[in-house]
């Protein structure tokens, strides 16, 4: 069984972009599709220290894990899957011994 056959979901990766400026010259906050229809797999994150993500001095609990191919995704992005939007907390690049193979991301639901 190959890695690609395990990616049973499809998601969109969104990236923050500065939108049109308002009357005060401040750009509107908008999220635009960066990658669309990417094969991926989402699973509930394990409980315990493994799901604790340190962002500066703050500790955030990851709710989900996302496995996706070796694509351009960062901690500043969002992932949309089945109309649910997730914040990317951490991205780990995984290798197969020769080169980068896929990304392992930790997510939480945007509320």
N, C-alpha and C. Protein backbone atom coordinates (compact mmCIF):
# COMPACT_ATOMS: atom_id res chain seq x y z
N UNK A 1 0.85 -1.17 0.00
CA UNK A 1 0.00 0.00 0.00
C UNK A 1 0.90 1.24 0.00
N UNK A 2 0.64 2.15 -0.91
CA UNK A 2 1.46 3.36 -1.01
C UNK A 2 0.87 4.49 -0.16
N UNK A 3 1.68 5.48 0.09
CA UNK A 3 1.25 6.64 0.88
C UNK A 3 0.07 7.34 0.22
N UNK A 4 0.11 7.48 -1.09
CA UNK A 4 -0.95 8.19 -1.82
C UNK A 4 -2.32 7.53 -1.64
N UNK A 5 -2.36 6.22 -1.51
CA UNK A 5 -3.65 5.54 -1.34
C UNK A 5 -4.26 5.78 0.04
N UNK A 6 -3.45 6.23 0.98
CA UNK A 6 -3.95 6.54 2.32
C UNK A 6 -4.57 7.94 2.41
N UNK A 7 -4.31 8.78 1.41
CA UNK A 7 -4.83 10.14 1.40
C UNK A 7 -6.24 10.12 0.82
N UNK A 8 -7.23 9.91 1.70
CA UNK A 8 -8.61 9.68 1.26
C UNK A 8 -9.47 10.93 1.27
N UNK A 9 -8.94 12.06 1.75
CA UNK A 9 -9.69 13.31 1.80
C UNK A 9 -9.13 14.29 0.77
N UNK A 10 -9.85 15.37 0.56
CA UNK A 10 -9.40 16.43 -0.34
C UNK A 10 -9.60 17.76 0.38
N UNK A 11 -8.58 18.61 0.37
CA UNK A 11 -8.66 19.87 1.11
C UNK A 11 -8.15 21.04 0.28
N UNK A 12 -8.44 22.23 0.77
CA UNK A 12 -7.94 23.47 0.18
C UNK A 12 -7.07 24.16 1.22
N UNK A 13 -5.89 24.58 0.82
CA UNK A 13 -5.00 25.34 1.70
C UNK A 13 -5.19 26.80 1.36
N UNK A 14 -5.50 27.60 2.38
CA UNK A 14 -5.69 29.04 2.19
C UNK A 14 -4.52 29.80 2.78
N UNK A 15 -4.19 30.92 2.13
CA UNK A 15 -3.11 31.77 2.61
C UNK A 15 -3.65 33.18 2.77
N UNK A 16 -3.20 33.86 3.81
CA UNK A 16 -3.65 35.23 4.09
C UNK A 16 -3.15 36.17 3.00
N UNK A 17 -4.04 37.02 2.53
CA UNK A 17 -3.66 38.05 1.56
C UNK A 17 -4.29 39.37 2.00
N UNK A 18 -3.61 40.45 1.72
CA UNK A 18 -4.16 41.77 2.04
C UNK A 18 -5.17 42.12 0.95
N UNK A 19 -6.39 42.40 1.35
CA UNK A 19 -7.45 42.72 0.40
C UNK A 19 -7.50 44.21 0.10
N UNK A 20 -8.61 44.64 -0.44
CA UNK A 20 -8.82 46.06 -0.77
C UNK A 20 -8.78 46.90 0.50
N UNK A 21 -8.34 48.12 0.35
CA UNK A 21 -8.23 49.01 1.51
C UNK A 21 -9.58 49.65 1.83
N UNK A 22 -9.82 49.85 3.13
CA UNK A 22 -11.04 50.53 3.55
C UNK A 22 -10.84 52.04 3.49
N UNK A 23 -11.79 52.79 3.99
CA UNK A 23 -11.73 54.25 3.93
C UNK A 23 -10.54 54.83 4.70
N UNK A 24 -10.00 54.07 5.64
CA UNK A 24 -8.87 54.54 6.43
C UNK A 24 -7.53 54.04 5.88
N UNK A 25 -7.55 53.34 4.76
CA UNK A 25 -6.33 52.84 4.15
C UNK A 25 -5.82 51.54 4.73
N UNK A 26 -6.63 50.87 5.54
CA UNK A 26 -6.25 49.61 6.15
C UNK A 26 -6.73 48.47 5.25
N UNK A 27 -5.83 47.57 4.85
CA UNK A 27 -6.28 46.47 3.98
C UNK A 27 -7.19 45.50 4.74
N UNK A 28 -8.22 45.04 4.05
CA UNK A 28 -9.14 44.07 4.63
C UNK A 28 -8.44 42.72 4.76
N UNK A 29 -8.75 41.98 5.79
CA UNK A 29 -8.16 40.66 6.00
C UNK A 29 -8.94 39.63 5.18
N UNK A 30 -8.26 38.98 4.26
CA UNK A 30 -8.91 37.98 3.43
C UNK A 30 -8.02 36.75 3.32
N UNK A 31 -8.65 35.61 3.12
CA UNK A 31 -7.96 34.35 2.93
C UNK A 31 -8.27 33.88 1.51
N UNK A 32 -7.23 33.64 0.72
CA UNK A 32 -7.40 33.19 -0.65
C UNK A 32 -6.89 31.76 -0.79
N UNK A 33 -7.50 31.02 -1.71
CA UNK A 33 -7.08 29.64 -1.96
C UNK A 33 -5.64 29.65 -2.49
N UNK A 34 -4.78 28.91 -1.83
CA UNK A 34 -3.38 28.79 -2.23
C UNK A 34 -3.17 27.48 -2.99
N UNK A 35 -3.70 26.40 -2.45
CA UNK A 35 -3.68 25.08 -3.08
C UNK A 35 -5.10 24.51 -3.02
N UNK A 36 -5.58 23.98 -4.11
CA UNK A 36 -6.94 23.43 -4.13
C UNK A 36 -6.92 21.95 -4.49
N UNK A 37 -7.91 21.25 -3.96
CA UNK A 37 -8.09 19.81 -4.23
C UNK A 37 -6.83 18.99 -3.97
N UNK A 38 -6.18 19.27 -2.86
CA UNK A 38 -4.99 18.51 -2.46
C UNK A 38 -5.43 17.24 -1.74
N UNK A 39 -4.87 16.11 -2.14
CA UNK A 39 -5.15 14.86 -1.44
C UNK A 39 -4.52 14.92 -0.06
N UNK A 40 -5.28 14.50 0.95
CA UNK A 40 -4.80 14.57 2.32
C UNK A 40 -5.54 13.54 3.17
N UNK A 41 -5.19 13.49 4.42
CA UNK A 41 -5.89 12.64 5.39
C UNK A 41 -5.89 13.36 6.72
N UNK A 42 -7.07 13.47 7.33
CA UNK A 42 -7.20 14.12 8.62
C UNK A 42 -7.60 13.08 9.65
N UNK A 43 -7.02 13.21 10.84
CA UNK A 43 -7.31 12.28 11.94
C UNK A 43 -7.31 13.07 13.24
N UNK A 44 -8.00 12.55 14.24
CA UNK A 44 -7.97 13.17 15.56
C UNK A 44 -6.55 13.08 16.11
N UNK A 45 -6.10 14.14 16.73
CA UNK A 45 -4.74 14.16 17.30
C UNK A 45 -4.71 13.30 18.55
N UNK A 46 -3.60 12.65 18.81
CA UNK A 46 -3.48 11.87 20.04
C UNK A 46 -3.48 12.80 21.25
N UNK A 47 -3.96 12.31 22.36
CA UNK A 47 -3.99 13.11 23.58
C UNK A 47 -2.66 12.98 24.30
N UNK A 48 -2.31 14.01 25.06
CA UNK A 48 -1.08 13.98 25.83
C UNK A 48 -0.10 15.03 25.33
N UNK A 49 1.15 14.89 25.74
CA UNK A 49 2.16 15.88 25.42
C UNK A 49 2.41 16.01 23.93
N UNK A 50 2.17 14.94 23.18
CA UNK A 50 2.42 14.97 21.74
C UNK A 50 1.54 15.99 21.03
N UNK A 51 0.36 16.28 21.57
CA UNK A 51 -0.55 17.23 20.92
C UNK A 51 -0.39 18.65 21.46
N UNK A 52 0.54 18.87 22.38
CA UNK A 52 0.79 20.22 22.90
C UNK A 52 1.79 20.93 22.00
N UNK A 53 1.36 22.03 21.41
CA UNK A 53 2.20 22.80 20.50
C UNK A 53 2.55 24.12 21.18
N UNK A 54 3.83 24.43 21.26
CA UNK A 54 4.29 25.66 21.88
C UNK A 54 4.41 26.75 20.81
N UNK A 55 3.64 27.84 20.99
CA UNK A 55 3.71 28.99 20.11
C UNK A 55 4.15 30.17 20.97
N UNK A 56 5.43 30.48 20.91
CA UNK A 56 5.99 31.49 21.81
C UNK A 56 5.90 30.98 23.24
N UNK A 57 5.26 31.76 24.11
CA UNK A 57 5.09 31.35 25.51
C UNK A 57 3.78 30.60 25.72
N UNK A 58 2.95 30.56 24.71
CA UNK A 58 1.62 29.94 24.81
C UNK A 58 1.69 28.47 24.39
N UNK A 59 0.96 27.63 25.09
CA UNK A 59 0.84 26.22 24.73
C UNK A 59 -0.57 26.00 24.19
N UNK A 60 -0.65 25.47 22.97
CA UNK A 60 -1.92 25.24 22.29
C UNK A 60 -2.08 23.74 22.09
N UNK A 61 -3.29 23.25 22.30
CA UNK A 61 -3.57 21.83 22.11
C UNK A 61 -4.07 21.59 20.70
N UNK A 62 -3.38 20.74 19.95
CA UNK A 62 -3.80 20.38 18.60
C UNK A 62 -4.99 19.43 18.70
N UNK A 63 -5.98 19.66 17.86
CA UNK A 63 -7.18 18.82 17.84
C UNK A 63 -7.11 17.74 16.76
N UNK A 64 -6.38 18.04 15.67
CA UNK A 64 -6.33 17.13 14.53
C UNK A 64 -4.92 17.06 13.96
N UNK A 65 -4.66 15.95 13.25
CA UNK A 65 -3.44 15.77 12.49
C UNK A 65 -3.82 15.71 11.02
N UNK A 66 -3.02 16.32 10.17
CA UNK A 66 -3.24 16.31 8.73
C UNK A 66 -1.99 15.77 8.06
N UNK A 67 -2.19 14.80 7.18
CA UNK A 67 -1.10 14.27 6.38
C UNK A 67 -1.35 14.71 4.94
N UNK A 68 -0.35 15.31 4.31
CA UNK A 68 -0.50 15.86 2.96
C UNK A 68 0.83 15.68 2.24
N UNK A 69 0.81 15.65 0.93
CA UNK A 69 2.03 15.49 0.14
C UNK A 69 3.03 16.60 0.42
N UNK A 70 4.15 16.55 -0.23
CA UNK A 70 5.21 17.55 -0.05
C UNK A 70 4.83 18.82 -0.81
N UNK A 71 3.95 19.62 -0.21
CA UNK A 71 3.42 20.83 -0.83
C UNK A 71 3.83 22.04 0.01
N UNK A 72 3.56 23.23 -0.53
CA UNK A 72 3.89 24.49 0.14
C UNK A 72 2.80 24.83 1.15
N UNK A 73 3.01 24.44 2.41
CA UNK A 73 2.08 24.74 3.50
C UNK A 73 2.90 25.19 4.70
N UNK A 74 2.44 26.23 5.39
CA UNK A 74 3.18 26.79 6.53
C UNK A 74 2.24 26.97 7.72
N UNK A 75 2.82 27.38 8.84
CA UNK A 75 2.04 27.62 10.05
C UNK A 75 1.15 28.85 9.94
N UNK A 76 1.32 29.67 8.93
CA UNK A 76 0.48 30.85 8.76
C UNK A 76 -0.74 30.56 7.88
N UNK A 77 -0.88 29.33 7.41
CA UNK A 77 -1.97 28.97 6.50
C UNK A 77 -3.18 28.41 7.25
N UNK A 78 -4.25 28.24 6.50
CA UNK A 78 -5.46 27.57 6.97
C UNK A 78 -5.77 26.42 6.02
N UNK A 79 -6.51 25.44 6.53
CA UNK A 79 -6.93 24.31 5.72
C UNK A 79 -8.45 24.23 5.80
N UNK A 80 -9.11 24.08 4.65
CA UNK A 80 -10.56 23.92 4.61
C UNK A 80 -10.84 22.51 4.11
N UNK A 81 -11.61 21.78 4.90
CA UNK A 81 -11.96 20.40 4.57
C UNK A 81 -13.42 20.19 4.93
N UNK A 82 -14.24 19.86 3.95
CA UNK A 82 -15.68 19.64 4.18
C UNK A 82 -16.33 20.81 4.90
N UNK A 83 -16.10 22.01 4.45
CA UNK A 83 -16.66 23.27 4.97
C UNK A 83 -16.18 23.64 6.37
N UNK A 84 -15.26 22.91 6.95
CA UNK A 84 -14.69 23.24 8.26
C UNK A 84 -13.31 23.85 8.02
N UNK A 85 -13.04 24.97 8.69
CA UNK A 85 -11.76 25.65 8.54
C UNK A 85 -10.88 25.35 9.76
N UNK A 86 -9.63 24.98 9.48
CA UNK A 86 -8.67 24.64 10.51
C UNK A 86 -7.48 25.58 10.44
N UNK A 87 -6.94 25.92 11.59
CA UNK A 87 -5.71 26.71 11.69
C UNK A 87 -4.53 25.75 11.74
N UNK A 88 -3.50 26.01 10.96
CA UNK A 88 -2.30 25.17 10.98
C UNK A 88 -1.41 25.64 12.12
N UNK A 89 -1.18 24.76 13.08
CA UNK A 89 -0.36 25.09 14.26
C UNK A 89 1.10 24.75 14.07
N UNK A 90 1.36 23.63 13.40
CA UNK A 90 2.73 23.15 13.24
C UNK A 90 2.82 22.30 11.99
N UNK A 91 3.90 22.46 11.24
CA UNK A 91 4.15 21.65 10.05
C UNK A 91 5.48 20.95 10.23
N UNK A 92 5.47 19.62 10.11
CA UNK A 92 6.70 18.82 10.17
C UNK A 92 6.91 18.19 8.81
N UNK A 93 8.11 18.36 8.27
CA UNK A 93 8.45 17.73 6.99
C UNK A 93 8.99 16.34 7.27
N UNK A 94 8.43 15.35 6.62
CA UNK A 94 8.87 13.97 6.79
C UNK A 94 9.65 13.52 5.56
N UNK A 95 10.67 12.72 5.77
CA UNK A 95 11.52 12.25 4.68
C UNK A 95 11.43 10.74 4.55
N UNK A 96 11.77 10.25 3.36
CA UNK A 96 11.76 8.80 3.12
C UNK A 96 13.17 8.22 3.06
N UNK A 97 14.14 8.96 3.54
CA UNK A 97 15.53 8.51 3.52
C UNK A 97 16.31 9.08 2.37
N UNK A 98 15.62 9.59 1.36
CA UNK A 98 16.29 10.16 0.19
C UNK A 98 15.96 11.64 0.05
N UNK A 99 14.68 11.97 0.17
CA UNK A 99 14.23 13.35 -0.02
C UNK A 99 12.98 13.59 0.82
N UNK A 100 12.46 14.82 0.78
CA UNK A 100 11.21 15.11 1.48
C UNK A 100 10.10 14.28 0.88
N UNK A 101 9.25 13.72 1.75
CA UNK A 101 8.21 12.80 1.29
C UNK A 101 6.81 13.39 1.45
N UNK A 102 6.51 13.89 2.66
CA UNK A 102 5.19 14.47 2.91
C UNK A 102 5.27 15.41 4.10
N UNK A 103 4.16 16.08 4.38
CA UNK A 103 4.07 16.99 5.53
C UNK A 103 3.09 16.40 6.53
N UNK A 104 3.44 16.55 7.80
CA UNK A 104 2.60 16.13 8.92
C UNK A 104 2.26 17.40 9.68
N UNK A 105 0.99 17.78 9.66
CA UNK A 105 0.56 19.06 10.24
C UNK A 105 -0.35 18.83 11.44
N UNK A 106 -0.26 19.73 12.40
CA UNK A 106 -1.16 19.73 13.55
C UNK A 106 -2.12 20.90 13.39
N UNK A 107 -3.41 20.66 13.62
CA UNK A 107 -4.46 21.63 13.35
C UNK A 107 -5.38 21.82 14.55
N UNK A 108 -6.09 22.95 14.53
CA UNK A 108 -7.23 23.14 15.43
C UNK A 108 -8.30 23.89 14.64
N UNK A 109 -9.54 23.68 15.04
CA UNK A 109 -10.68 24.31 14.36
C UNK A 109 -10.68 25.80 14.62
N UNK A 110 -10.93 26.58 13.57
CA UNK A 110 -11.06 28.03 13.72
C UNK A 110 -12.44 28.31 14.27
N UNK A 111 -12.52 28.98 15.40
CA UNK A 111 -13.81 29.27 16.02
C UNK A 111 -14.13 30.73 15.89
